[in-house]
Amino acid sequence: MLSAQQLETYITQNLGCDYIKVSGDDGTHFEALIVSPAFVGKSMVQQHQLVYQALGDRMRAEIHALSMKTLTPEAWLKSNS
């Protein structure tokens, strides 16, 4: 069974993140907040595609559902001001 921490590690190994928080306790359904400079200039769909690319085949094999909020570092700073 996959843990939220393992999922965080999978993402950060393949995507530079300024901040990431993954939660989920059933091993297949997860929620993630991901802040990455790689998202700058990208649409939300493109940002999510980058996360899916970072996860590779795990998205089809180990993860049933991933709900995510993706932000650029600038948007993250604005949301926390």
PDB file of N, CA and C in Angstrom:
ATOM      1  N   MET A   1       0.844  -1.181   0.000  1.00  0.00           N
ATOM      2  CA  MET A   1       0.000   0.000   0.000  1.00  0.00           C
ATOM      3  C   MET A   1       0.892   1.248   0.000  1.00  0.00           C
ATOM      4  N   LEU A   2       0.536   2.197  -0.806  1.00  0.00           N
ATOM      5  CA  LEU A   2       1.298   3.432  -0.970  1.00  0.00           C
ATOM      6  C   LEU A   2       0.935   4.425   0.136  1.00  0.00           C
ATOM      7  N   SER A   3       1.947   5.095   0.700  1.00  0.00           N
ATOM      8  CA  SER A   3       1.693   6.112   1.724  1.00  0.00           C
ATOM      9  C   SER A   3       1.768   7.505   1.105  1.00  0.00           C
ATOM     10  N   ALA A   4       1.204   8.481   1.791  1.00  0.00           N
ATOM     11  CA  ALA A   4       1.273   9.868   1.333  1.00  0.00           C
ATOM     12  C   ALA A   4       2.722  10.319   1.239  1.00  0.00           C
ATOM     13  N   GLN A   5       3.558   9.908   2.184  1.00  0.00           N
ATOM     14  CA  GLN A   5       4.978  10.275   2.170  1.00  0.00           C
ATOM     15  C   GLN A   5       5.684   9.699   0.946  1.00  0.00           C
ATOM     16  N   GLN A   6       5.377   8.459   0.600  1.00  0.00           N
ATOM     17  CA  GLN A   6       5.980   7.848  -0.587  1.00  0.00           C
ATOM     18  C   GLN A   6       5.578   8.618  -1.844  1.00  0.00           C
ATOM     19  N   LEU A   7       4.315   9.020  -1.914  1.00  0.00           N
ATOM     20  CA  LEU A   7       3.834   9.769  -3.069  1.00  0.00           C
ATOM     21  C   LEU A   7       4.560  11.114  -3.167  1.00  0.00           C
ATOM     22  N   GLU A   8       4.735  11.793  -2.037  1.00  0.00           N
ATOM     23  CA  GLU A   8       5.512  13.046  -2.021  1.00  0.00           C
ATOM     24  C   GLU A   8       6.907  12.810  -2.576  1.00  0.00           C
ATOM     25  N   THR A   9       7.532  11.740  -2.139  1.00  0.00           N
ATOM     26  CA  THR A   9       8.887  11.418  -2.598  1.00  0.00           C
ATOM     27  C   THR A   9       8.910  11.165  -4.096  1.00  0.00           C
ATOM     28  N   TYR A  10       7.960  10.402  -4.611  1.00  0.00           N
ATOM     29  CA  TYR A  10       7.899  10.135  -6.048  1.00  0.00           C
ATOM     30  C   TYR A  10       7.804  11.434  -6.845  1.00  0.00           C
ATOM     31  N   ILE A  11       6.967  12.352  -6.382  1.00  0.00           N
ATOM     32  CA  ILE A  11       6.792  13.615  -7.099  1.00  0.00           C
ATOM     33  C   ILE A  11       8.066  14.453  -7.034  1.00  0.00           C
ATOM     34  N   THR A  12       8.644  14.603  -5.841  1.00  0.00           N
ATOM     35  CA  THR A  12       9.811  15.477  -5.690  1.00  0.00           C
ATOM     36  C   THR A  12      11.064  14.919  -6.355  1.00  0.00           C
ATOM     37  N   GLN A  13      11.121  13.621  -6.589  1.00  0.00           N
ATOM     38  CA  GLN A  13      12.257  13.032  -7.298  1.00  0.00           C
ATOM     39  C   GLN A  13      12.293  13.473  -8.757  1.00  0.00           C
ATOM     40  N   ASN A  14      11.129  13.819  -9.305  1.00  0.00           N
ATOM     41  CA  ASN A  14      11.040  14.124 -10.729  1.00  0.00           C
ATOM     42  C   ASN A  14      10.503  15.513 -11.042  1.00  0.00           C
ATOM     43  N   LEU A  15      10.208  16.296 -10.012  1.00  0.00           N
ATOM     44  CA  LEU A  15       9.673  17.637 -10.215  1.00  0.00           C
ATOM     45  C   LEU A  15      10.187  18.520  -9.083  1.00  0.00           C
ATOM     46  N   GLY A  16      10.871  19.591  -9.440  1.00  0.00           N
ATOM     47  CA  GLY A  16      11.373  20.510  -8.424  1.00  0.00           C
ATOM     48  C   GLY A  16      10.223  21.219  -7.735  1.00  0.00           C
ATOM     49  N   CYS A  17      10.107  21.037  -6.442  1.00  0.00           N
ATOM     50  CA  CYS A  17       8.995  21.619  -5.681  1.00  0.00           C
ATOM     51  C   CYS A  17       9.531  22.561  -4.609  1.00  0.00           C
ATOM     52  N   ASP A  18       8.920  23.729  -4.500  1.00  0.00           N
ATOM     53  CA  ASP A  18       9.222  24.627  -3.394  1.00  0.00           C
ATOM     54  C   ASP A  18       8.469  24.200  -2.144  1.00  0.00           C
ATOM     55  N   TYR A  19       7.310  23.578  -2.351  1.00  0.00           N
ATOM     56  CA  TYR A  19       6.500  23.085  -1.238  1.00  0.00           C
ATOM     57  C   TYR A  19       5.616  21.966  -1.776  1.00  0.00           C
ATOM     58  N   ILE A  20       5.427  20.952  -0.960  1.00  0.00           N
ATOM     59  CA  ILE A  20       4.508  19.874  -1.320  1.00  0.00           C
ATOM     60  C   ILE A  20       3.917  19.286  -0.043  1.00  0.00           C
ATOM     61  N   LYS A  21       2.644  19.010  -0.088  1.00  0.00           N
ATOM     62  CA  LYS A  21       1.954  18.352   1.019  1.00  0.00           C
ATOM     63  C   LYS A  21       0.953  17.381   0.414  1.00  0.00           C
ATOM     64  N   VAL A  22       1.124  16.116   0.712  1.00  0.00           N
ATOM     65  CA  VAL A  22       0.226  15.077   0.221  1.00  0.00           C
ATOM     66  C   VAL A  22      -0.463  14.447   1.426  1.00  0.00           C
ATOM     67  N   SER A  23      -1.756  14.248   1.313  1.00  0.00           N
ATOM     68  CA  SER A  23      -2.496  13.563   2.368  1.00  0.00           C
ATOM     69  C   SER A  23      -3.343  12.465   1.744  1.00  0.00           C
ATOM     70  N   GLY A  24      -3.718  11.530   2.575  1.00  0.00           N
ATOM     71  CA  GLY A  24      -4.524  10.388   2.146  1.00  0.00           C
ATOM     72  C   GLY A  24      -4.151   9.202   3.002  1.00  0.00           C
ATOM     73  N   ASP A  25      -5.138   8.481   3.455  1.00  0.00           N
ATOM     74  CA  ASP A  25      -4.830   7.395   4.391  1.00  0.00           C
ATOM     75  C   ASP A  25      -5.320   6.012   3.963  1.00  0.00           C
ATOM     76  N   ASP A  26      -5.850   5.923   2.741  1.00  0.00           N
ATOM     77  CA  ASP A  26      -6.324   4.592   2.336  1.00  0.00           C
ATOM     78  C   ASP A  26      -5.397   3.904   1.337  1.00  0.00           C
ATOM     79  N   GLY A  27      -4.303   4.583   0.958  1.00  0.00           N
ATOM     80  CA  GLY A  27      -3.316   3.963   0.075  1.00  0.00           C
ATOM     81  C   GLY A  27      -3.593   4.090  -1.405  1.00  0.00           C
ATOM     82  N   THR A  28      -4.765   4.597  -1.789  1.00  0.00           N
ATOM     83  CA  THR A  28      -5.065   4.744  -3.218  1.00  0.00           C
ATOM     84  C   THR A  28      -5.660   6.100  -3.586  1.00  0.00           C
ATOM     85  N   HIS A  29      -6.236   6.810  -2.619  1.00  0.00           N
ATOM     86  CA  HIS A  29      -6.850   8.118  -2.866  1.00  0.00           C
ATOM     87  C   HIS A  29      -6.044   9.186  -2.118  1.00  0.00           C
ATOM     88  N   PHE A  30      -5.602  10.208  -2.854  1.00  0.00           N
ATOM     89  CA  PHE A  30      -4.728  11.215  -2.261  1.00  0.00           C
ATOM     90  C   PHE A  30      -5.144  12.625  -2.677  1.00  0.00           C
ATOM     91  N   GLU A  31      -4.760  13.584  -1.831  1.00  0.00           N
ATOM     92  CA  GLU A  31      -4.898  15.005  -2.135  1.00  0.00           C
ATOM     93  C   GLU A  31      -3.515  15.619  -2.013  1.00  0.00           C
ATOM     94  N   ALA A  32      -3.191  16.534  -2.930  1.00  0.00           N
ATOM     95  CA  ALA A  32      -1.863  17.133  -2.910  1.00  0.00           C
ATOM     96  C   ALA A  32      -1.925  18.634  -3.177  1.00  0.00           C
ATOM     97  N   LEU A  33      -1.081  19.359  -2.466  1.00  0.00           N
ATOM     98  CA  LEU A  33      -0.817  20.768  -2.733  1.00  0.00           C
ATOM     99  C   LEU A  33       0.633  20.822  -3.175  1.00  0.00           C
ATOM    100  N   ILE A  34       0.857  21.321  -4.393  1.00  0.00           N
ATOM    101  CA  ILE A  34       2.195  21.305  -4.969  1.00  0.00           C
ATOM    102  C   ILE A  34       2.532  22.699  -5.482  1.00  0.00           C
ATOM    103  N   VAL A  35       3.661  23.229  -5.018  1.00  0.00           N
ATOM    104  CA  VAL A  35       4.151  24.538  -5.451  1.00  0.00           C
ATOM    105  C   VAL A  35       5.471  24.299  -6.178  1.00  0.00           C
ATOM    106  N   SER A  36       5.525  24.710  -7.451  1.00  0.00           N
ATOM    107  CA  SER A  36       6.728  24.462  -8.245  1.00  0.00           C
ATOM    108  C   SER A  36       6.985  25.588  -9.231  1.00  0.00           C
ATOM    109  N   PRO A  37       8.258  25.988  -9.379  1.00  0.00           N
ATOM    110  CA  PRO A  37       8.585  26.965 -10.408  1.00  0.00           C
ATOM    111  C   PRO A  37       8.369  26.418 -11.822  1.00  0.00           C
ATOM    112  N   ALA A  38       8.287  25.105 -11.967  1.00  0.00           N
ATOM    113  CA  ALA A  38       8.036  24.497 -13.282  1.00  0.00           C
ATOM    114  C   ALA A  38       6.647  24.847 -13.800  1.00  0.00           C
ATOM    115  N   PHE A  39       5.758  25.322 -12.913  1.00  0.00           N
ATOM    116  CA  PHE A  39       4.392  25.646 -13.304  1.00  0.00           C
ATOM    117  C   PHE A  39       4.255  27.043 -13.904  1.00  0.00           C
ATOM    118  N   VAL A  40       5.280  27.863 -13.797  1.00  0.00           N
ATOM    119  CA  VAL A  40       5.207  29.244 -14.298  1.00  0.00           C
ATOM    120  C   VAL A  40       4.913  29.235 -15.796  1.00  0.00           C
ATOM    121  N   GLY A  41       3.902  30.017 -16.183  1.00  0.00           N
ATOM    122  CA  GLY A  41       3.542  30.138 -17.594  1.00  0.00           C
ATOM    123  C   GLY A  41       2.736  28.985 -18.144  1.00  0.00           C
ATOM    124  N   LYS A  42       2.346  28.044 -17.294  1.00  0.00           N
ATOM    125  CA  LYS A  42       1.601  26.868 -17.741  1.00  0.00           C
ATOM    126  C   LYS A  42       0.150  26.968 -17.265  1.00  0.00           C
ATOM    127  N   SER A  43      -0.754  26.419 -18.064  1.00  0.00           N
ATOM    128  CA  SER A  43      -2.157  26.339 -17.653  1.00  0.00           C
ATOM    129  C   SER A  43      -2.285  25.295 -16.545  1.00  0.00           C
ATOM    130  N   MET A  44      -3.428  25.287 -15.876  1.00  0.00           N
ATOM    131  CA  MET A  44      -3.648  24.303 -14.819  1.00  0.00           C
ATOM    132  C   MET A  44      -3.549  22.879 -15.376  1.00  0.00           C
ATOM    133  N   VAL A  45      -4.089  22.656 -16.558  1.00  0.00           N
ATOM    134  CA  VAL A  45      -4.011  21.332 -17.176  1.00  0.00           C
ATOM    135  C   VAL A  45      -2.547  20.946 -17.415  1.00  0.00           C
ATOM    136  N   GLN A  46      -1.749  21.873 -17.919  1.00  0.00           N
ATOM    137  CA  GLN A  46      -0.333  21.599 -18.162  1.00  0.00           C
ATOM    138  C   GLN A  46       0.413  21.345 -16.851  1.00  0.00           C
ATOM    139  N   GLN A  47       0.054  22.068 -15.801  1.00  0.00           N
ATOM    140  CA  GLN A  47       0.669  21.847 -14.494  1.00  0.00           C
ATOM    141  C   GLN A  47       0.366  20.440 -13.996  1.00  0.00           C
ATOM    142  N   HIS A  48      -0.878  20.021 -14.123  1.00  0.00           N
ATOM    143  CA  HIS A  48      -1.266  18.682 -13.685  1.00  0.00           C
ATOM    144  C   HIS A  48      -0.574  17.618 -14.531  1.00  0.00           C
ATOM    145  N   GLN A  49      -0.403  17.885 -15.814  1.00  0.00           N
ATOM    146  CA  GLN A  49       0.303  16.944 -16.679  1.00  0.00           C
ATOM    147  C   GLN A  49       1.751  16.763 -16.226  1.00  0.00           C
ATOM    148  N   LEU A  50       2.382  17.846 -15.759  1.00  0.00           N
ATOM    149  CA  LEU A  50       3.749  17.740 -15.245  1.00  0.00           C
ATOM    150  C   LEU A  50       3.811  16.820 -14.019  1.00  0.00           C
ATOM    151  N   VAL A  51       2.815  16.925 -13.162  1.00  0.00           N
ATOM    152  CA  VAL A  51       2.767  16.053 -11.985  1.00  0.00           C
ATOM    153  C   VAL A  51       2.556  14.607 -12.420  1.00  0.00           C
ATOM    154  N   TYR A  52       1.635  14.378 -13.355  1.00  0.00           N
ATOM    155  CA  TYR A  52       1.408  13.018 -13.851  1.00  0.00           C
ATOM    156  C   TYR A  52       2.673  12.448 -14.485  1.00  0.00           C
ATOM    157  N   GLN A  53       3.409  13.273 -15.221  1.00  0.00           N
ATOM    158  CA  GLN A  53       4.674  12.832 -15.814  1.00  0.00           C
ATOM    159  C   GLN A  53       5.676  12.459 -14.728  1.00  0.00           C
ATOM    160  N   ALA A  54       5.706  13.253 -13.657  1.00  0.00           N
ATOM    161  CA  ALA A  54       6.615  12.964 -12.547  1.00  0.00           C
ATOM    162  C   ALA A  54       6.285  11.621 -11.904  1.00  0.00           C
ATOM    163  N   LEU A  55       5.013  11.263 -11.884  1.00  0.00           N
ATOM    164  CA  LEU A  55       4.596   9.995 -11.285  1.00  0.00           C
ATOM    165  C   LEU A  55       4.754   8.810 -12.234  1.00  0.00           C
ATOM    166  N   GLY A  56       4.762   9.080 -13.526  1.00  0.00           N
ATOM    167  CA  GLY A  56       4.938   8.012 -14.504  1.00  0.00           C
ATOM    168  C   GLY A  56       3.870   6.941 -14.392  1.00  0.00           C
ATOM    169  N   ASP A  57       4.276   5.689 -14.496  1.00  0.00           N
ATOM    170  CA  ASP A  57       3.343   4.556 -14.488  1.00  0.00           C
ATOM    171  C   ASP A  57       2.658   4.351 -13.143  1.00  0.00           C
ATOM    172  N   ARG A  58       3.174   4.964 -12.108  1.00  0.00           N
ATOM    173  CA  ARG A  58       2.541   4.816 -10.785  1.00  0.00           C
ATOM    174  C   ARG A  58       1.104   5.333 -10.794  1.00  0.00           C
ATOM    175  N   MET A  59       0.842   6.334 -11.635  1.00  0.00           N
ATOM    176  CA  MET A  59      -0.500   6.903 -11.698  1.00  0.00           C
ATOM    177  C   MET A  59      -1.505   5.866 -12.173  1.00  0.00           C
ATOM    178  N   ARG A  60      -1.094   4.982 -13.038  1.00  0.00           N
ATOM    179  CA  ARG A  60      -1.996   3.935 -13.528  1.00  0.00           C
ATOM    180  C   ARG A  60      -1.998   2.712 -12.630  1.00  0.00           C
ATOM    181  N   ALA A  61      -0.872   2.427 -12.015  1.00  0.00           N
ATOM    182  CA  ALA A  61      -0.733   1.174 -11.285  1.00  0.00           C
ATOM    183  C   ALA A  61      -1.064   1.279  -9.794  1.00  0.00           C
ATOM    184  N   GLU A  62      -0.508   2.284  -9.112  1.00  0.00           N
ATOM    185  CA  GLU A  62      -0.613   2.339  -7.655  1.00  0.00           C
ATOM    186  C   GLU A  62      -1.625   3.350  -7.130  1.00  0.00           C
ATOM    187  N   ILE A  63      -1.914   4.366  -7.909  1.00  0.00           N
ATOM    188  CA  ILE A  63      -2.745   5.473  -7.433  1.00  0.00           C
ATOM    189  C   ILE A  63      -4.083   5.433  -8.142  1.00  0.00           C
ATOM    190  N   HIS A  64      -5.148   5.322  -7.371  1.00  0.00           N
ATOM    191  CA  HIS A  64      -6.481   5.298  -7.970  1.00  0.00           C
ATOM    192  C   HIS A  64      -6.977   6.715  -8.246  1.00  0.00           C
ATOM    193  N   ALA A  65      -6.749   7.632  -7.302  1.00  0.00           N
ATOM    194  CA  ALA A  65      -7.228   9.007  -7.466  1.00  0.00           C
ATOM    195  C   ALA A  65      -6.264   9.987  -6.809  1.00  0.00           C
ATOM    196  N   LEU A  66      -5.988  11.071  -7.517  1.00  0.00           N
ATOM    197  CA  LEU A  66      -5.140  12.127  -6.996  1.00  0.00           C
ATOM    198  C   LEU A  66      -5.807  13.461  -7.291  1.00  0.00           C
ATOM    199  N   SER A  67      -6.264  14.105  -6.249  1.00  0.00           N
ATOM    200  CA  SER A  67      -6.825  15.446  -6.355  1.00  0.00           C
ATOM    201  C   SER A  67      -5.700  16.408  -6.013  1.00  0.00           C
ATOM    202  N   MET A  68      -5.441  17.372  -6.899  1.00  0.00           N
ATOM    203  CA  MET A  68      -4.313  18.247  -6.616  1.00  0.00           C
ATOM    204  C   MET A  68      -4.624  19.708  -6.868  1.00  0.00           C
ATOM    205  N   LYS A  69      -3.946  20.531  -6.091  1.00  0.00           N
ATOM    206  CA  LYS A  69      -3.938  21.967  -6.288  1.00  0.00           C
ATOM    207  C   LYS A  69      -2.493  22.321  -6.594  1.00  0.00           C
ATOM    208  N   THR A  70      -2.281  22.926  -7.755  1.00  0.00           N
ATOM    209  CA  THR A  70      -0.930  23.296  -8.163  1.00  0.00           C
ATOM    210  C   THR A  70      -0.821  24.810  -8.213  1.00  0.00           C
ATOM    211  N   LEU A  71       0.308  25.316  -7.729  1.00  0.00           N
ATOM    212  CA  LEU A  71       0.540  26.758  -7.683  1.00  0.00           C
ATOM    213  C   LEU A  71       1.970  27.079  -8.081  1.00  0.00           C
ATOM    214  N   THR A  72       2.138  28.242  -8.698  1.00  0.00           N
ATOM    215  CA  THR A  72       3.481  28.771  -8.909  1.00  0.00           C
ATOM    216  C   THR A  72       3.954  29.348  -7.575  1.00  0.00           C
ATOM    217  N   PRO A  73       5.256  29.535  -7.397  1.00  0.00           N
ATOM    218  CA  PRO A  73       5.728  30.151  -6.157  1.00  0.00           C
ATOM    219  C   PRO A  73       5.107  31.531  -5.912  1.00  0.00           C
ATOM    220  N   GLU A  74       4.930  32.317  -6.961  1.00  0.00           N
ATOM    221  CA  GLU A  74       4.325  33.647  -6.821  1.00  0.00           C
ATOM    222  C   GLU A  74       2.880  33.545  -6.330  1.00  0.00           C
ATOM    223  N   ALA A  75       2.105  32.643  -6.922  1.00  0.00           N
ATOM    224  CA  ALA A  75       0.718  32.457  -6.499  1.00  0.00           C
ATOM    225  C   ALA A  75       0.651  31.942  -5.064  1.00  0.00           C
ATOM    226  N   TRP A  76       1.586  31.091  -4.684  1.00  0.00           N
ATOM    227  CA  TRP A  76       1.656  30.569  -3.315  1.00  0.00           C
ATOM    228  C   TRP A  76       1.898  31.702  -2.319  1.00  0.00           C
ATOM    229  N   LEU A  77       2.846  32.586  -2.663  1.00  0.00           N
ATOM    230  CA  LEU A  77       3.134  33.724  -1.783  1.00  0.00           C
ATOM    231  C   LEU A  77       1.913  34.625  -1.633  1.00  0.00           C
ATOM    232  N   LYS A  78       1.221  34.884  -2.741  1.00  0.00           N
ATOM    233  CA  LYS A  78       0.025  35.734  -2.691  1.00  0.00           C
ATOM    234  C   LYS A  78      -1.069  35.106  -1.856  1.00  0.00           C
ATOM    235  N   SER A  79      -1.229  33.798  -1.942  1.00  0.00           N
ATOM    236  CA  SER A  79      -2.286  33.117  -1.197  1.00  0.00           C
ATOM    237  C   SER A  79      -1.991  33.059   0.294  1.00  0.00           C
ATOM    238  N   ASN A  80      -0.739  33.246   0.669  1.00  0.00           N
ATOM    239  CA  ASN A  80      -0.354  33.191   2.071  1.00  0.00           C
ATOM    240  C   ASN A  80      -0.084  34.560   2.662  1.00  0.00           C
ATOM    241  N   SER A  81      -0.424  35.622   1.936  1.00  0.00           N
ATOM    242  CA  SER A  81      -0.182  36.971   2.463  1.00  0.00           C
ATOM    243  C   SER A  81      -1.393  37.500   3.168  1.00  0.00           C
TER     244      SER A  81
END
